[in-house]
Each structure stands twice: as C-alpha cells, then as structure tokens.
Protein backbone atom coordinates (compact mmCIF):
# COMPACT_ATOMS: atom_id res chain seq x y z
CA MET A 1 90.78 64.73 81.21
CA ALA A 2 89.34 64.17 77.76
CA VAL A 3 86.82 61.66 76.50
CA ARG A 4 89.07 59.37 74.45
CA ASN A 5 87.88 58.43 70.95
CA GLY A 6 84.34 59.28 72.01
CA LEU A 7 84.51 56.62 74.76
CA ILE A 8 84.27 56.94 78.55
CA ALA A 9 85.25 54.03 80.81
CA ALA A 10 84.06 54.00 84.43
CA LEU A 11 85.35 51.61 87.09
CA ASP A 12 83.37 51.28 90.33
CA VAL A 13 85.46 49.32 92.84
CA GLY A 14 83.28 48.40 95.79
CA THR A 15 83.42 46.04 98.73
CA ALA A 16 80.76 43.72 97.27
CA LYS A 17 81.33 44.06 93.51
CA VAL A 18 83.56 45.57 90.85
CA CYS A 19 81.68 47.12 87.94
CA CYS A 20 82.89 48.59 84.64
CA PHE A 21 80.74 50.61 82.22
CA ILE A 22 81.97 51.76 78.82
CA ALA A 23 79.92 54.54 77.21
CA ARG A 24 80.09 56.11 73.78
CA VAL A 25 79.36 59.83 73.54
CA GLN A 26 76.79 60.35 70.79
CA ASP A 27 76.53 63.28 68.39
CA ASP A 28 74.03 65.07 70.66
CA GLY A 29 76.45 64.79 73.61
CA THR A 30 74.53 62.10 75.49
CA PRO A 31 76.25 58.90 76.66
CA ARG A 32 75.16 55.47 75.47
CA ILE A 33 76.33 52.39 77.38
CA VAL A 34 78.03 49.96 74.97
CA GLY A 35 79.91 47.71 77.41
CA ILE A 36 79.14 46.32 80.88
CA GLY A 37 81.13 44.01 83.12
CA HIS A 38 80.71 43.21 86.80
CA GLN A 39 82.25 40.70 89.18
CA LEU A 40 82.14 39.86 92.86
CA ALA A 41 84.79 41.99 94.53
CA ARG A 42 87.59 40.12 96.22
CA GLY A 43 90.35 41.82 98.16
CA MET A 44 88.25 44.75 99.46
CA ARG A 45 86.94 45.44 102.95
CA ASN A 46 85.00 48.54 104.05
CA GLY A 47 86.01 50.36 100.86
CA ALA A 48 89.75 49.73 101.30
CA VAL A 49 92.15 47.31 99.56
CA VAL A 50 93.16 44.33 101.73
CA ASP A 51 94.48 41.95 99.03
CA MET A 52 96.01 43.49 95.90
CA GLU A 53 96.24 40.27 93.85
CA GLU A 54 92.62 39.25 94.50
CA LEU A 55 91.35 42.74 93.64
CA GLU A 56 93.49 42.89 90.49
CA THR A 57 91.85 39.65 89.30
CA SER A 58 88.35 41.07 89.95
CA ILE A 59 89.10 44.34 88.13
CA ARG A 60 90.66 42.58 85.12
CA ALA A 61 87.65 40.25 84.76
CA SER A 62 85.18 43.14 85.00
CA VAL A 63 87.03 45.35 82.50
CA ASP A 64 87.61 42.45 80.08
CA ALA A 65 83.88 41.63 80.05
CA ALA A 66 82.97 45.28 79.34
CA GLU A 67 85.62 45.53 76.59
CA ASP A 68 84.40 42.33 74.92
CA MET A 69 80.81 43.58 74.93
CA ALA A 70 81.82 47.00 73.56
CA GLY A 71 84.31 45.60 71.03
CA GLU A 72 86.77 48.26 72.20
CA ARG A 73 89.89 48.41 74.37
CA VAL A 74 90.22 51.07 77.09
CA ARG A 75 93.45 52.49 78.45
CA ALA A 76 92.11 54.88 81.09
CA VAL A 77 89.21 54.89 83.55
CA VAL A 78 87.34 57.18 85.90
CA VAL A 79 87.42 55.44 89.29
CA ASN A 80 85.50 55.88 92.55
CA ILE A 81 86.99 56.51 96.01
CA SER A 82 85.18 55.13 99.06
CA GLY A 83 88.13 54.08 101.24
CA GLY A 84 90.40 56.30 103.32
CA LEU A 85 87.44 57.87 105.14
CA PRO A 86 86.80 60.68 102.62
CA GLY A 87 85.85 63.89 104.39
CA SER A 88 84.94 67.34 103.22
CA ALA A 89 85.40 70.92 104.35
CA ASN A 90 84.06 74.19 103.02
CA VAL A 91 86.68 76.92 102.81
CA LYS A 92 85.95 80.64 102.27
CA VAL A 93 88.64 82.88 100.82
CA GLU A 94 88.60 86.62 100.00
CA VAL A 95 91.17 88.72 98.11
CA ALA A 96 91.36 92.45 97.42
CA MET A 97 90.69 93.53 93.83
CA ASN A 98 92.20 97.05 93.88
CA GLY A 99 89.67 98.34 91.37
CA HIS A 100 90.56 96.16 88.35
CA PRO A 101 88.23 93.60 86.73
CA VAL A 102 88.50 89.99 87.91
CA ASN A 103 90.96 87.99 85.82
CA GLU A 104 92.42 84.50 85.82
CA ALA A 105 95.33 85.50 88.06
CA ASP A 106 92.91 86.69 90.76
CA ILE A 107 91.07 83.35 90.73
CA ARG A 108 94.37 81.44 90.87
CA ARG A 109 95.58 83.57 93.78
CA MET A 110 92.34 82.96 95.67
CA LEU A 111 92.44 79.20 95.16
CA ASP A 112 96.09 79.15 96.24
CA HIS A 113 94.99 80.77 99.53
CA GLY A 114 92.32 78.11 99.96
CA ARG A 115 94.66 75.20 99.35
CA ALA A 116 97.31 76.59 101.73
CA HIS A 117 94.92 75.96 104.64
CA HIS A 118 94.31 72.33 103.67
CA GLU A 119 97.68 70.87 102.74
CA SER A 120 98.31 67.75 104.79
CA PRO A 121 100.94 65.01 104.38
CA ASP A 122 98.49 62.25 105.39
CA ARG A 123 95.50 63.34 103.27
CA GLU A 124 95.20 63.34 99.49
CA LEU A 125 93.07 65.89 97.64
CA ILE A 126 90.25 64.31 95.62
CA HIS A 127 88.11 67.35 94.70
CA ALA A 128 88.39 71.12 95.11
CA ILE A 129 85.10 72.49 93.81
CA PRO A 130 84.28 76.24 93.74
CA VAL A 131 80.73 76.33 95.11
CA ASP A 132 79.95 80.05 95.05
CA TYR A 133 81.72 83.30 94.15
CA THR A 134 81.02 86.64 95.83
CA ILE A 135 81.94 90.19 94.88
CA ASP A 136 81.70 92.75 97.72
CA GLY A 137 79.47 90.31 99.60
CA ASN A 138 77.02 89.71 96.71
CA GLU A 139 76.46 85.96 96.47
CA GLY A 140 75.33 83.63 93.68
CA ILE A 141 77.93 84.62 91.06
CA LYS A 142 78.76 81.65 88.82
CA ASP A 143 81.66 83.17 86.83
CA PRO A 144 83.21 86.41 88.15
CA ARG A 145 85.71 87.04 85.34
CA GLY A 146 85.48 90.54 83.92
CA MET A 147 83.40 91.85 86.86
CA PHE A 148 84.41 94.82 89.03
CA GLY A 149 84.49 95.10 92.82
CA ASP A 150 86.70 95.75 95.85
CA ARG A 151 86.76 92.20 97.26
CA LEU A 152 86.42 88.86 95.48
CA GLY A 153 85.47 85.79 97.50
CA VAL A 154 84.92 82.11 96.82
CA ALA A 155 83.56 79.17 98.79
CA ILE A 156 85.52 76.02 97.92
CA HIS A 157 84.34 72.51 98.80
CA VAL A 158 87.52 70.52 99.46
CA ILE A 159 87.27 66.71 99.65
CA SER A 160 90.25 64.62 100.73
CA ALA A 161 90.97 61.05 101.81
CA ALA A 162 93.76 59.22 103.62
CA VAL A 163 96.80 58.80 101.38
CA GLY A 164 97.38 55.06 101.95
CA PRO A 165 94.03 53.59 100.80
CA VAL A 166 93.85 55.98 97.81
CA ARG A 167 97.32 55.01 96.60
CA ASN A 168 96.72 51.30 97.19
CA LEU A 169 93.68 51.43 94.90
CA ALA A 170 95.63 53.43 92.30
CA THR A 171 98.43 50.83 92.39
CA VAL A 172 96.02 47.95 91.73
CA VAL A 173 94.31 49.80 88.86
CA ASN A 174 97.72 50.62 87.33
CA ARG A 175 98.73 46.96 87.65
CA CYS A 176 95.76 46.19 85.37
CA HIS A 177 97.49 48.42 82.73
CA LEU A 178 94.89 51.17 83.19
CA ASP A 179 95.52 54.87 83.79
CA ILE A 180 93.31 56.76 86.23
CA GLU A 181 91.99 59.85 84.46
CA ALA A 182 89.90 61.10 87.38
CA ARG A 183 88.87 60.03 90.86
CA VAL A 184 85.40 60.69 92.24
CA VAL A 185 84.21 60.12 95.80
CA SER A 186 81.47 57.47 95.77
CA PRO A 187 78.60 59.59 97.22
CA TYR A 188 79.22 62.35 94.64
CA ALA A 189 79.03 59.79 91.81
CA ALA A 190 75.82 58.25 93.22
CA GLY A 191 74.22 61.69 93.48
CA LEU A 192 75.12 62.57 89.89
CA ALA A 193 73.48 59.33 88.72
CA CYS A 194 70.23 59.46 90.71
CA LEU A 195 69.27 63.05 91.48
CA VAL A 196 67.18 65.34 89.30
CA ASP A 197 68.10 69.01 88.90
CA ASP A 198 65.25 70.28 91.09
CA GLU A 199 66.35 68.07 94.00
CA LYS A 200 69.93 69.33 93.78
CA GLU A 201 68.68 72.93 93.62
CA LEU A 202 66.21 72.75 96.53
CA GLY A 203 68.33 70.60 98.84
CA VAL A 204 68.67 66.81 99.05
CA THR A 205 70.71 64.15 100.82
CA CYS A 206 71.82 61.17 98.73
CA ILE A 207 72.63 58.06 100.81
CA ASP A 208 74.55 55.37 98.92
CA MET A 209 74.35 52.05 100.78
CA GLY A 210 77.09 49.77 99.50
CA GLY A 211 78.49 46.45 100.68
CA GLY A 212 81.12 47.84 103.05
CA THR A 213 80.32 51.54 103.36
CA THR A 214 77.35 53.89 103.54
CA SER A 215 78.18 57.28 102.04
CA ILE A 216 76.40 60.61 102.21
CA ALA A 217 76.29 63.50 99.72
CA VAL A 218 74.38 66.73 100.42
CA PHE A 219 73.44 68.97 97.49
CA LEU A 220 72.04 72.51 97.69
CA ALA A 221 71.66 75.26 95.09
CA GLY A 222 72.81 72.77 92.45
CA GLN A 223 76.17 72.12 94.14
CA LEU A 224 77.71 69.38 96.26
CA ILE A 225 78.22 70.97 99.70
CA HIS A 226 79.02 68.02 102.00
CA THR A 227 80.25 64.42 101.79
CA ASP A 228 80.86 61.76 104.42
CA VAL A 229 81.46 57.99 104.51
CA ILE A 230 80.45 55.57 107.29
CA PRO A 231 82.27 52.20 107.25
CA ILE A 232 79.07 50.11 107.61
CA GLY A 233 77.18 48.48 104.74
CA GLY A 234 75.17 45.51 103.53
CA ALA A 235 78.02 43.06 104.21
CA HIS A 236 77.71 43.84 107.93
CA VAL A 237 74.04 42.81 107.83
CA THR A 238 75.02 39.53 106.15
CA SER A 239 77.71 38.95 108.77
CA ASP A 240 75.19 39.60 111.58
CA ILE A 241 72.81 37.01 110.07
CA ALA A 242 75.59 34.43 109.67
CA ARG A 243 76.62 34.85 113.32
CA GLY A 244 73.11 35.10 114.74
CA LEU A 245 71.80 32.00 112.94
CA SER A 246 75.09 29.99 112.79
CA THR A 247 74.80 29.68 109.02
CA PRO A 248 77.42 30.04 106.23
CA VAL A 249 77.93 33.55 104.86
CA ALA A 250 76.64 32.54 101.40
CA GLN A 251 73.41 31.23 102.97
CA ALA A 252 73.11 34.38 105.11
CA GLU A 253 73.36 36.53 101.95
CA ARG A 254 70.73 34.37 100.24
CA MET A 255 68.33 34.64 103.19
CA LYS A 256 68.85 38.39 103.43
CA THR A 257 68.05 38.80 99.73
CA LEU A 258 65.07 36.46 99.58
CA TYR A 259 63.42 36.89 102.98
CA GLY A 260 65.05 39.89 104.65
CA SER A 261 63.16 43.01 105.65
CA ALA A 262 63.83 46.08 107.77
CA ILE A 263 60.21 46.36 108.95
CA PRO A 264 58.40 43.52 110.79
CA THR A 265 54.93 42.31 109.72
CA PRO A 266 52.29 40.30 111.67
CA SER A 267 52.85 37.19 109.52
CA ASP A 268 56.60 36.89 110.27
CA ASP A 269 56.14 34.46 113.19
CA ARG A 270 54.13 32.07 111.01
CA GLU A 271 56.65 31.93 108.16
CA ILE A 272 59.28 29.27 108.93
CA LEU A 273 62.70 29.33 107.24
CA LYS A 274 65.11 26.43 106.85
CA VAL A 275 68.60 27.52 107.97
CA PRO A 276 71.58 25.28 107.02
CA LEU A 277 74.15 25.18 109.82
CA VAL A 278 77.76 26.24 109.33
CA GLY A 279 80.15 23.30 108.89
CA GLU A 280 77.42 20.85 107.85
CA ASP A 281 76.95 19.25 104.42
CA GLU A 282 74.18 20.53 102.15
CA ASP A 283 71.96 17.67 103.28
CA GLY A 284 73.20 17.88 106.87
CA ALA A 285 71.62 19.34 109.98
CA SER A 286 69.60 22.54 109.68
CA ASN A 287 67.49 24.71 111.94
CA GLN A 288 63.91 25.83 111.48
CA VAL A 289 63.48 29.48 112.52
CA PRO A 290 60.63 31.96 112.10
CA ARG A 291 61.19 34.83 109.67
CA SER A 292 60.71 37.21 112.61
CA MET A 293 64.10 36.08 113.99
CA LEU A 294 65.80 37.08 110.72
CA ILE A 295 64.14 40.51 110.82
CA GLN A 296 65.16 40.98 114.48
CA ILE A 297 68.78 40.66 113.33
CA ILE A 298 68.46 42.94 110.26
CA GLN A 299 66.42 45.80 111.74
CA PRO A 300 68.84 46.91 114.52
CA ARG A 301 71.81 47.05 112.14
CA LEU A 302 69.94 49.18 109.57
CA GLU A 303 68.53 51.39 112.35
CA GLU A 304 72.07 51.93 113.63
CA THR A 305 73.25 52.83 110.11
CA PHE A 306 70.53 55.45 109.59
CA GLU A 307 71.06 56.84 113.10
CA LEU A 308 74.76 57.28 112.31
CA VAL A 309 73.79 59.11 109.08
CA ARG A 310 71.46 61.38 111.06
CA THR A 311 74.15 62.06 113.69
CA ARG A 312 76.80 62.90 111.08
CA LEU A 313 74.42 65.30 109.31
CA GLU A 314 73.49 66.99 112.60
CA GLN A 315 77.14 67.33 113.67
CA GLY A 316 77.99 69.06 110.40
CA GLY A 317 74.93 71.31 110.54
CA PHE A 318 73.58 69.84 107.29
CA ASP A 319 70.47 68.13 108.69
CA LYS A 320 68.18 71.16 108.25
CA MET A 321 70.14 72.70 105.38
CA ALA A 322 69.48 69.73 103.10
CA GLY A 323 65.70 70.02 103.43
CA ARG A 324 63.36 67.07 103.90
CA ARG A 325 64.33 65.08 100.81
CA VAL A 326 66.45 61.90 100.90
CA VAL A 327 67.34 59.66 97.96
CA LEU A 328 68.41 56.16 98.97
CA THR A 329 70.55 54.19 96.50
CA GLY A 330 73.20 51.45 96.36
CA GLY A 331 72.80 47.68 96.49
CA ALA A 332 71.91 47.50 100.21
CA SER A 333 69.08 50.04 99.76
CA GLN A 334 67.05 47.44 97.85
CA MET A 335 66.21 45.45 100.97
CA GLN A 336 62.49 45.33 101.67
CA GLY A 337 61.50 48.04 104.16
CA ALA A 338 64.83 49.95 104.03
CA ARG A 339 63.16 53.00 102.53
CA ASP A 340 60.41 53.05 105.19
CA LEU A 341 62.90 52.62 108.02
CA ALA A 342 65.07 55.44 106.65
CA GLY A 343 62.02 57.72 106.60
CA LEU A 344 61.21 56.89 110.25
CA VAL A 345 64.76 57.34 111.58
CA LEU A 346 65.69 60.43 109.53
CA ASP A 347 62.19 62.01 109.63
CA LYS A 348 62.42 62.88 105.95
CA GLN A 349 60.73 62.01 102.65
CA VAL A 350 62.63 59.11 101.12
CA ARG A 351 62.64 57.74 97.59
CA LEU A 352 64.68 54.94 96.04
CA GLY A 353 67.18 56.25 93.48
CA ARG A 354 68.34 54.49 90.33
CA PRO A 355 70.47 55.77 87.40
CA VAL A 356 68.68 58.23 85.12
CA GLY A 357 69.60 59.66 81.72
CA LEU A 358 71.82 56.84 80.44
CA GLN A 359 70.83 55.17 77.18
CA GLY A 360 71.57 51.52 76.51
CA LEU A 361 71.50 50.49 80.18
CA PRO A 362 69.74 47.09 80.48
CA GLU A 363 67.18 46.59 83.23
CA ALA A 364 69.47 44.12 85.02
CA THR A 365 72.12 46.82 85.52
CA GLY A 366 69.79 49.81 85.80
CA GLY A 367 69.00 49.42 89.51
CA PRO A 368 70.30 51.19 92.62
CA ALA A 369 73.31 48.83 92.89
CA PHE A 370 74.79 50.38 89.72
CA SER A 371 74.27 54.06 90.60
CA GLY A 372 77.93 54.61 91.44
CA CYS A 373 79.22 53.36 88.08
CA ALA A 374 76.57 55.33 86.16
CA GLY A 375 77.52 58.46 88.12
CA LEU A 376 81.18 58.09 87.10
CA ILE A 377 80.09 58.21 83.45
CA ARG A 378 78.07 61.37 84.11
CA TYR A 379 80.98 62.96 85.97
CA ALA A 380 83.36 62.33 83.08
CA LEU A 381 80.84 63.76 80.63
CA VAL A 382 80.06 66.93 82.61
CA HIS A 383 83.46 67.71 84.11
CA SER A 384 85.70 66.90 81.19
CA PRO A 385 86.38 69.26 78.29
CA THR A 386 85.95 67.38 75.03
CA PRO A 387 87.39 68.68 71.77
CA SER A 388 83.98 68.58 70.11
CA ARG A 389 82.08 70.51 72.74
CA GLY A 390 84.87 72.50 74.39
CA ARG A 391 83.36 72.36 77.85
CA ARG A 392 85.15 74.05 80.71
CA ALA A 393 86.09 71.54 83.36
CA ALA A 394 85.11 71.89 86.97
CA ILE A 395 87.98 72.02 89.44
CA SER A 396 88.65 68.39 90.20
CA VAL A 397 91.92 66.62 90.55
CA GLY A 398 92.58 63.08 89.29
CA GLY A 399 95.48 60.79 88.56
CA ASP A 400 98.24 59.71 90.87
CA GLY A 401 101.37 61.41 89.58
CA GLY A 402 103.00 64.28 91.48
CA SER A 403 101.47 66.07 94.46
CA ALA A 404 97.75 66.73 94.57
CA TRP A 405 98.25 70.45 94.89
CA GLY A 406 100.74 70.47 92.02
CA ARG A 407 98.09 68.85 89.85
CA LEU A 408 95.56 71.47 90.98
CA GLY A 409 98.00 74.19 89.90
CA GLY A 410 98.43 72.47 86.54
CA TRP A 411 94.67 72.26 86.13
CA LEU A 412 94.28 75.97 86.85
CA LYS A 413 96.93 76.88 84.30
CA ARG A 414 95.16 74.81 81.64
CA ASN A 415 91.64 76.00 82.36
CA PHE A 416 91.82 79.66 83.38
C-alpha cells in the first residue's frame, strides 16, 4: 500500500456513524487533515452490515463531504473492521538455521509455518504481525537478518474475522467506487490514535467504546499483543433508556447525552426530567421522572460492559500482563462518570483518550469519538512504504482480492 499523491484517505464505518478523514503527508512526514466528512450510520448493527443500500448512502455522503473540503478525489481508503467478531492468537514458530546467517528465505519459511496452523475457510486474515524474533532463545530481536544462530524463532500476532461480515463491508465500499488498500481492526486503530509510546512500551489496555461494539487492544513492549471485540456499545444504553422510560429512541439518545451519567450523585432524586412518551405528538403526554431513574438504567449496562472486558482479559491471561493502565476512547466513553466506573470495575488507572499527533484536526472532530478514524491515518502512515521515505511495511494484509494467505505471500515477496 502506498500513500497516493501524498494523500491518505481513512474510512471508519461504525454502528453509530460513518467518518472519512483525508490527510496530506507533509514534507516532514507528518499528516495534516485536509478533509473531514461524517454522517449517521445507517445499515449497520453491532459492527456488521445489515442493509447494503443504506450503508452505501452513508459512506458516499461522508466521503463526498471530505472530498469537497479537501478539494481532492480519492480512489482508495484504509477501512476499519469491527464486525465478524475479530479475534487474535499469538503463534510461536521456530526453524533450524544450520549455521548460515538469517536471510529472507528463512523468514518466509517461518511465517509459512505460522500461517499453516491458522488457515480456516470461515475466517479471514486481517493482520499477521511479527511481535518478537528470537535466536537460540535470545528475545527482543527486532530484525534478525544477517545474524547467526542454530534456531530462529518468531512470535506472530494473527488477527482474523468471520469471512461473511468482512466481505459484506468490502462489497459496500467497492460499490461506492472505492478500493480498499488496507483493513485495520478497530481497537488497533484506536490504540494507534490515542496511546503514547511509553504506554505502549510499559503495558496498556485501550478500550474503544463505539455505538454497537466495545473493542479491546492490549499493547506491551511497543507491540499489539491482543485484540477482542464485545458486541455491546452505546446504542444498547440508548435502547435500554427507550424501553425503560417508554420514550422514542431519538429522545432516549438526547437524554443520555444531556443528563446521563454512570455514577449516581445525591442530587439526582431532586432533578426532574420531562420524558416524551413513545407514539405521542411533541406536545402530547409526557412523564416526569427523577434523573436517578435514568442513571439506574445506564449504570447496570455500563457495569456489565466493563465486567465483560475484565472477564475477557482474565480469560486470555492479559489482565496482569497489560499493567494497571487503561485508556478509554470512542463516542460512548464520553458519558459522564464512564471513566470513574471503568476504574472501579477494572481496578486500574483510567484516562480518557483522544487523537494525538494529527495536525489540522478541528476541536469538533478531535474528541474520543473520532479516535478510530485518526488511527487509520496513523496506520497508513506508519505501515505503508512511501516512495519518498522508503519505509518497510509491517506485515499486514489488506484488500479483498484472492485468498488472504496468498496476499500474505505476495507481501513477503515484495518486502523481504
């Protein structure tokens, strides 16, 4: 994947919104946002496509707005993957060296061994990232080429998702006359946008709370070592409010945004909210309820979400490995009290994450809700070789033509 004409286009397709950023790579190699477009997402549920025509309309409107602002047309995008229940596995492979220095063929052979264990007809490869090389058991080697030893090993972080949802999204993007240059799992993109280098080095969990999904990325020693996606998000909170208070979904969303909180306060009983009833006219019947009732609906759902995050981390053995640092991001993380509740449930230090290191990003689109799209720009910049800077790409597979493993083989031939 190359940065085309100095431009990078990122498309974040979520359950709640579709967002497109266009960035221009400046002479010093830093990206500057020149185009922004975002729309309410229609045709998505829990990160998966449920109506292709509705989603196509949302994507076209978002991309058109970004193109008009940038004064440029884009033909290819970096897109996020949150549907298909993305899951990750860490694979360790060792090969004998027979006394010769490590060369490209050795690395190819080793990665072939790793992929052979993870080929599956119902899962599509999204990333295959070499996390750590070893020679004769010595860890921490970043690039083993030219080194001597008896046995060469590598730990590969393999991330895959169900074939159907991934291909459905690719089909809709292609119907908008856009090529997919790379695909990035949503939690990885959010982590790239929000985390500082020290956090990634020392160990951190990035929790991206979207409209339909809550995704987890664990970083350690500067590398992504675990990803997971839970199909619960901010839209579920809105739905709970609409059901619990018999109010239209639009009103439930408004109440959640204006008055919602994850932590109760002593004044909640005294604050009375007017709740329009579902099916009534704007001036029709409404209920008067204390704010405490709204919070009693919101708090259990967010508690459940953070408890599921904690359980998934414990099951994978990443709870202690990731240290005591959590970065909370995504649109649903902005709810009052969400950060405090996360700290209580996870027993970790929690901060709110927003995109860092992107020039030209207005304040309105610089918040946690836009972390995913900002992370896609950073991914394209870091993982793509550009003619001007000649960077070596990380092992990551994008596009939708041919088999995933065939594309991995093609990538290896080009880059080693």
